[in-house]
Each structure stands twice: as C-alpha cells, then as structure tokens.
Amino acid sequence: MWQDPIVEETRNLRKQYAELFDYNIDAIFADIRKRQEHSKRKRVSFPARKPVSTKKSA
C-alpha cells in the first residue's frame, strides 16, 4: 500500500504533541487555548446557524 509522506509526517507530529501531555485531551486542549490567547493572529468566529427544519408542510 502506498504511503503519503506528508500524511506520515503529520501523524508523527500529532503523536509527538500528544505524548507531551501523556495523551490527556484536557491538557492538550488547555495548551491549544493558551497558544491561541498568546497568538498575534486574528481569531475569527461565526454566529451559530439556525437549524433547518426538515418537516414537510401538509
């Protein structure tokens, strides 16, 4: 089976990052939030979309 080197690199980096926090998702999320707060990049958020009704009218 053919392996994409970019995908392999991404998976290895993700594994290394998770190992830093002993695969603790709460610690990983806290680190991401901390990095986001200290980032100089503009953060964009969008308002929630209204749900679309799937009921058909009679």
PDB file of N, CA and C in Angstrom:
ATOM      1  N   MET A   1       0.841  -1.185   0.000  1.00  0.00           N
ATOM      2  CA  MET A   1       0.000   0.000   0.000  1.00  0.00           C
ATOM      3  C   MET A   1       0.888   1.251   0.000  1.00  0.00           C
ATOM      4  N   TRP A   2       0.512   2.223  -0.797  1.00  0.00           N
ATOM      5  CA  TRP A   2       1.283   3.449  -0.935  1.00  0.00           C
ATOM      6  C   TRP A   2       1.053   4.346   0.272  1.00  0.00           C
ATOM      7  N   GLN A   3       2.127   4.960   0.772  1.00  0.00           N
ATOM      8  CA  GLN A   3       2.015   5.853   1.920  1.00  0.00           C
ATOM      9  C   GLN A   3       2.442   7.255   1.512  1.00  0.00           C
ATOM     10  N   ASP A   4       1.648   8.205   1.920  1.00  0.00           N
ATOM     11  CA  ASP A   4       1.920   9.606   1.616  1.00  0.00           C
ATOM     12  C   ASP A   4       2.873  10.151   2.675  1.00  0.00           C
ATOM     13  N   PRO A   5       4.032  10.667   2.294  1.00  0.00           N
ATOM     14  CA  PRO A   5       4.993  11.161   3.282  1.00  0.00           C
ATOM     15  C   PRO A   5       4.468  12.355   4.080  1.00  0.00           C
ATOM     16  N   ILE A   6       3.620  13.167   3.486  1.00  0.00           N
ATOM     17  CA  ILE A   6       3.062  14.317   4.204  1.00  0.00           C
ATOM     18  C   ILE A   6       2.107  13.840   5.293  1.00  0.00           C
ATOM     19  N   VAL A   7       1.303  12.838   4.973  1.00  0.00           N
ATOM     20  CA  VAL A   7       0.380  12.280   5.963  1.00  0.00           C
ATOM     21  C   VAL A   7       1.168  11.635   7.096  1.00  0.00           C
ATOM     22  N   GLU A   8       2.215  10.898   6.765  1.00  0.00           N
ATOM     23  CA  GLU A   8       3.048  10.265   7.789  1.00  0.00           C
ATOM     24  C   GLU A   8       3.693  11.306   8.701  1.00  0.00           C
ATOM     25  N   GLU A   9       4.197  12.381   8.120  1.00  0.00           N
ATOM     26  CA  GLU A   9       4.813  13.444   8.917  1.00  0.00           C
ATOM     27  C   GLU A   9       3.788  14.078   9.852  1.00  0.00           C
ATOM     28  N   THR A  10       2.602  14.330   9.339  1.00  0.00           N
ATOM     29  CA  THR A  10       1.537  14.922  10.150  1.00  0.00           C
ATOM     30  C   THR A  10       1.167  14.008  11.309  1.00  0.00           C
ATOM     31  N   ARG A  11       1.039  12.724  11.034  1.00  0.00           N
ATOM     32  CA  ARG A  11       0.697  11.762  12.094  1.00  0.00           C
ATOM     33  C   ARG A  11       1.795  11.678  13.148  1.00  0.00           C
ATOM     34  N   ASN A  12       3.044  11.712  12.714  1.00  0.00           N
ATOM     35  CA  ASN A  12       4.155  11.667  13.668  1.00  0.00           C
ATOM     36  C   ASN A  12       4.179  12.913  14.550  1.00  0.00           C
ATOM     37  N   LEU A  13       3.955  14.074  13.956  1.00  0.00           N
ATOM     38  CA  LEU A  13       3.928  15.313  14.741  1.00  0.00           C
ATOM     39  C   LEU A  13       2.767  15.311  15.731  1.00  0.00           C
ATOM     40  N   ARG A  14       1.615  14.827  15.295  1.00  0.00           N
ATOM     41  CA  ARG A  14       0.451  14.750  16.178  1.00  0.00           C
ATOM     42  C   ARG A  14       0.730  13.805  17.346  1.00  0.00           C
ATOM     43  N   LYS A  15       1.388  12.688  17.063  1.00  0.00           N
ATOM     44  CA  LYS A  15       1.723  11.733  18.118  1.00  0.00           C
ATOM     45  C   LYS A  15       2.707  12.350  19.116  1.00  0.00           C
ATOM     46  N   GLN A  16       3.719  13.050  18.614  1.00  0.00           N
ATOM     47  CA  GLN A  16       4.696  13.693  19.496  1.00  0.00           C
ATOM     48  C   GLN A  16       4.030  14.736  20.389  1.00  0.00           C
ATOM     49  N   TYR A  17       3.123  15.496  19.806  1.00  0.00           N
ATOM     50  CA  TYR A  17       2.410  16.525  20.574  1.00  0.00           C
ATOM     51  C   TYR A  17       1.557  15.881  21.662  1.00  0.00           C
ATOM     52  N   ALA A  18       0.869  14.808  21.328  1.00  0.00           N
ATOM     53  CA  ALA A  18       0.035  14.111  22.308  1.00  0.00           C
ATOM     54  C   ALA A  18       0.891  13.493  23.414  1.00  0.00           C
ATOM     55  N   GLU A  19       2.058  12.994  23.069  1.00  0.00           N
ATOM     56  CA  GLU A  19       2.951  12.401  24.069  1.00  0.00           C
ATOM     57  C   GLU A  19       3.418  13.430  25.090  1.00  0.00           C
ATOM     58  N   LEU A  20       3.548  14.692  24.681  1.00  0.00           N
ATOM     59  CA  LEU A  20       3.961  15.745  25.617  1.00  0.00           C
ATOM     60  C   LEU A  20       2.990  15.864  26.786  1.00  0.00           C
ATOM     61  N   PHE A  21       1.741  15.514  26.544  1.00  0.00           N
ATOM     62  CA  PHE A  21       0.691  15.653  27.551  1.00  0.00           C
ATOM     63  C   PHE A  21       0.155  14.298  28.003  1.00  0.00           C
ATOM     64  N   ASP A  22       0.926  13.244  27.763  1.00  0.00           N
ATOM     65  CA  ASP A  22       0.522  11.882  28.123  1.00  0.00           C
ATOM     66  C   ASP A  22      -0.857  11.539  27.576  1.00  0.00           C
ATOM     67  N   TYR A  23      -1.147  12.015  26.393  1.00  0.00           N
ATOM     68  CA  TYR A  23      -2.410  11.761  25.691  1.00  0.00           C
ATOM     69  C   TYR A  23      -3.626  12.254  26.475  1.00  0.00           C
ATOM     70  N   ASN A  24      -3.422  13.230  27.357  1.00  0.00           N
ATOM     71  CA  ASN A  24      -4.512  13.804  28.156  1.00  0.00           C
ATOM     72  C   ASN A  24      -5.189  14.890  27.322  1.00  0.00           C
ATOM     73  N   ILE A  25      -6.396  14.607  26.867  1.00  0.00           N
ATOM     74  CA  ILE A  25      -7.089  15.522  25.959  1.00  0.00           C
ATOM     75  C   ILE A  25      -7.381  16.867  26.620  1.00  0.00           C
ATOM     76  N   ASP A  26      -7.648  16.869  27.921  1.00  0.00           N
ATOM     77  CA  ASP A  26      -7.910  18.130  28.621  1.00  0.00           C
ATOM     78  C   ASP A  26      -6.658  19.006  28.649  1.00  0.00           C
ATOM     79  N   ALA A  27      -5.505  18.392  28.871  1.00  0.00           N
ATOM     80  CA  ALA A  27      -4.249  19.143  28.888  1.00  0.00           C
ATOM     81  C   ALA A  27      -3.899  19.651  27.487  1.00  0.00           C
ATOM     82  N   ILE A  28      -4.158  18.834  26.484  1.00  0.00           N
ATOM     83  CA  ILE A  28      -3.903  19.250  25.100  1.00  0.00           C
ATOM     84  C   ILE A  28      -4.779  20.445  24.752  1.00  0.00           C
ATOM     85  N   PHE A  29      -6.054  20.362  25.107  1.00  0.00           N
ATOM     86  CA  PHE A  29      -6.991  21.447  24.810  1.00  0.00           C
ATOM     87  C   PHE A  29      -6.588  22.727  25.543  1.00  0.00           C
ATOM     88  N   ALA A  30      -6.163  22.596  26.807  1.00  0.00           N
ATOM     89  CA  ALA A  30      -5.729  23.767  27.573  1.00  0.00           C
ATOM     90  C   ALA A  30      -4.506  24.410  26.914  1.00  0.00           C
ATOM     91  N   ASP A  31      -3.594  23.597  26.413  1.00  0.00           N
ATOM     92  CA  ASP A  31      -2.416  24.135  25.732  1.00  0.00           C
ATOM     93  C   ASP A  31      -2.806  24.861  24.446  1.00  0.00           C
ATOM     94  N   ILE A  32      -3.738  24.301  23.712  1.00  0.00           N
ATOM     95  CA  ILE A  32      -4.198  24.949  22.480  1.00  0.00           C
ATOM     96  C   ILE A  32      -4.837  26.291  22.799  1.00  0.00           C
ATOM     97  N   ARG A  33      -5.667  26.329  23.847  1.00  0.00           N
ATOM     98  CA  ARG A  33      -6.297  27.594  24.251  1.00  0.00           C
ATOM     99  C   ARG A  33      -5.253  28.627  24.650  1.00  0.00           C
ATOM    100  N   LYS A  34      -4.234  28.187  25.410  1.00  0.00           N
ATOM    101  CA  LYS A  34      -3.172  29.093  25.847  1.00  0.00           C
ATOM    102  C   LYS A  34      -2.415  29.649  24.645  1.00  0.00           C
ATOM    103  N   ARG A  35      -2.097  28.792  23.692  1.00  0.00           N
ATOM    104  CA  ARG A  35      -1.400  29.236  22.483  1.00  0.00           C
ATOM    105  C   ARG A  35      -2.255  30.218  21.693  1.00  0.00           C
ATOM    106  N   GLN A  36      -3.548  29.959  21.664  1.00  0.00           N
ATOM    107  CA  GLN A  36      -4.471  30.827  20.933  1.00  0.00           C
ATOM    108  C   GLN A  36      -4.524  32.215  21.564  1.00  0.00           C
ATOM    109  N   GLU A  37      -4.529  32.274  22.893  1.00  0.00           N
ATOM    110  CA  GLU A  37      -4.573  33.560  23.593  1.00  0.00           C
ATOM    111  C   GLU A  37      -3.322  34.393  23.331  1.00  0.00           C
ATOM    112  N   HIS A  38      -2.171  33.740  23.229  1.00  0.00           N
ATOM    113  CA  HIS A  38      -0.908  34.447  23.055  1.00  0.00           C
ATOM    114  C   HIS A  38      -0.551  34.679  21.589  1.00  0.00           C
ATOM    115  N   SER A  39      -1.363  34.160  20.707  1.00  0.00           N
ATOM    116  CA  SER A  39      -1.094  34.305  19.278  1.00  0.00           C
ATOM    117  C   SER A  39      -1.408  35.725  18.819  1.00  0.00           C
ATOM    118  N   LYS A  40      -0.651  36.188  17.866  1.00  0.00           N
ATOM    119  CA  LYS A  40      -0.875  37.513  17.305  1.00  0.00           C
ATOM    120  C   LYS A  40      -1.835  37.456  16.113  1.00  0.00           C
ATOM    121  N   ARG A  41      -2.238  36.257  15.752  1.00  0.00           N
ATOM    122  CA  ARG A  41      -3.148  36.102  14.623  1.00  0.00           C
ATOM    123  C   ARG A  41      -4.563  36.511  15.007  1.00  0.00           C
ATOM    124  N   LYS A  42      -5.276  37.021  14.036  1.00  0.00           N
ATOM    125  CA  LYS A  42      -6.655  37.427  14.260  1.00  0.00           C
ATOM    126  C   LYS A  42      -7.533  36.178  14.342  1.00  0.00           C
ATOM    127  N   ARG A  43      -8.338  36.113  15.383  1.00  0.00           N
ATOM    128  CA  ARG A  43      -9.230  34.970  15.561  1.00  0.00           C
ATOM    129  C   ARG A  43     -10.591  35.318  14.987  1.00  0.00           C
ATOM    130  N   VAL A  44     -11.151  34.408  14.240  1.00  0.00           N
ATOM    131  CA  VAL A  44     -12.440  34.623  13.600  1.00  0.00           C
ATOM    132  C   VAL A  44     -13.440  33.638  14.177  1.00  0.00           C
ATOM    133  N   SER A  45     -14.618  34.146  14.525  1.00  0.00           N
ATOM    134  CA  SER A  45     -15.693  33.248  14.956  1.00  0.00           C
ATOM    135  C   SER A  45     -16.973  33.686  14.261  1.00  0.00           C
ATOM    136  N   PHE A  46     -17.808  32.738  13.993  1.00  0.00           N
ATOM    137  CA  PHE A  46     -19.042  32.999  13.282  1.00  0.00           C
ATOM    138  C   PHE A  46     -20.231  32.720  14.189  1.00  0.00           C
ATOM    139  N   PRO A  47     -21.345  33.436  13.991  1.00  0.00           N
ATOM    140  CA  PRO A  47     -22.538  33.148  14.792  1.00  0.00           C
ATOM    141  C   PRO A  47     -23.081  31.762  14.440  1.00  0.00           C
ATOM    142  N   ALA A  48     -23.747  31.162  15.400  1.00  0.00           N
ATOM    143  CA  ALA A  48     -24.332  29.842  15.167  1.00  0.00           C
ATOM    144  C   ALA A  48     -25.418  29.937  14.109  1.00  0.00           C
ATOM    145  N   ARG A  49     -25.495  28.918  13.285  1.00  0.00           N
ATOM    146  CA  ARG A  49     -26.532  28.896  12.256  1.00  0.00           C
ATOM    147  C   ARG A  49     -27.829  28.367  12.840  1.00  0.00           C
ATOM    148  N   LYS A  50     -28.926  28.879  12.330  1.00  0.00           N
ATOM    149  CA  LYS A  50     -30.226  28.398  12.771  1.00  0.00           C
ATOM    150  C   LYS A  50     -30.466  27.029  12.149  1.00  0.00           C
ATOM    151  N   PRO A  51     -31.050  26.102  12.927  1.00  0.00           N
ATOM    152  CA  PRO A  51     -31.316  24.776  12.363  1.00  0.00           C
ATOM    153  C   PRO A  51     -32.346  24.849  11.243  1.00  0.00           C
ATOM    154  N   VAL A  52     -32.172  24.012  10.267  1.00  0.00           N
ATOM    155  CA  VAL A  52     -33.091  23.956   9.140  1.00  0.00           C
ATOM    156  C   VAL A  52     -34.152  22.913   9.444  1.00  0.00           C
ATOM    157  N   SER A  53     -35.391  23.297   9.305  1.00  0.00           N
ATOM    158  CA  SER A  53     -36.490  22.370   9.558  1.00  0.00           C
ATOM    159  C   SER A  53     -36.574  21.358   8.422  1.00  0.00           C
ATOM    160  N   THR A  54     -36.722  20.090   8.790  1.00  0.00           N
ATOM    161  CA  THR A  54     -36.839  19.047   7.774  1.00  0.00           C
ATOM    162  C   THR A  54     -38.275  18.566   7.618  1.00  0.00           C
ATOM    163  N   LYS A  55     -39.190  19.166   8.381  1.00  0.00           N
ATOM    164  CA  LYS A  55     -40.600  18.774   8.293  1.00  0.00           C
ATOM    165  C   LYS A  55     -41.202  19.331   7.013  1.00  0.00           C
ATOM    166  N   LYS A  56     -41.992  18.502   6.369  1.00  0.00           N
ATOM    167  CA  LYS A  56     -42.693  18.956   5.167  1.00  0.00           C
ATOM    168  C   LYS A  56     -44.056  19.481   5.577  1.00  0.00           C
ATOM    169  N   SER A  57     -44.452  20.608   5.009  1.00  0.00           N
ATOM    170  CA  SER A  57     -45.768  21.153   5.342  1.00  0.00           C
ATOM    171  C   SER A  57     -46.839  20.423   4.536  1.00  0.00           C
ATOM    172  N   ALA A  58     -47.988  20.248   5.176  1.00  0.00           N
ATOM    173  CA  ALA A  58     -49.084  19.500   4.549  1.00  0.00           C
ATOM    174  C   ALA A  58     -49.887  20.337   3.600  1.00  0.00           C
TER     175      ALA A  58
END
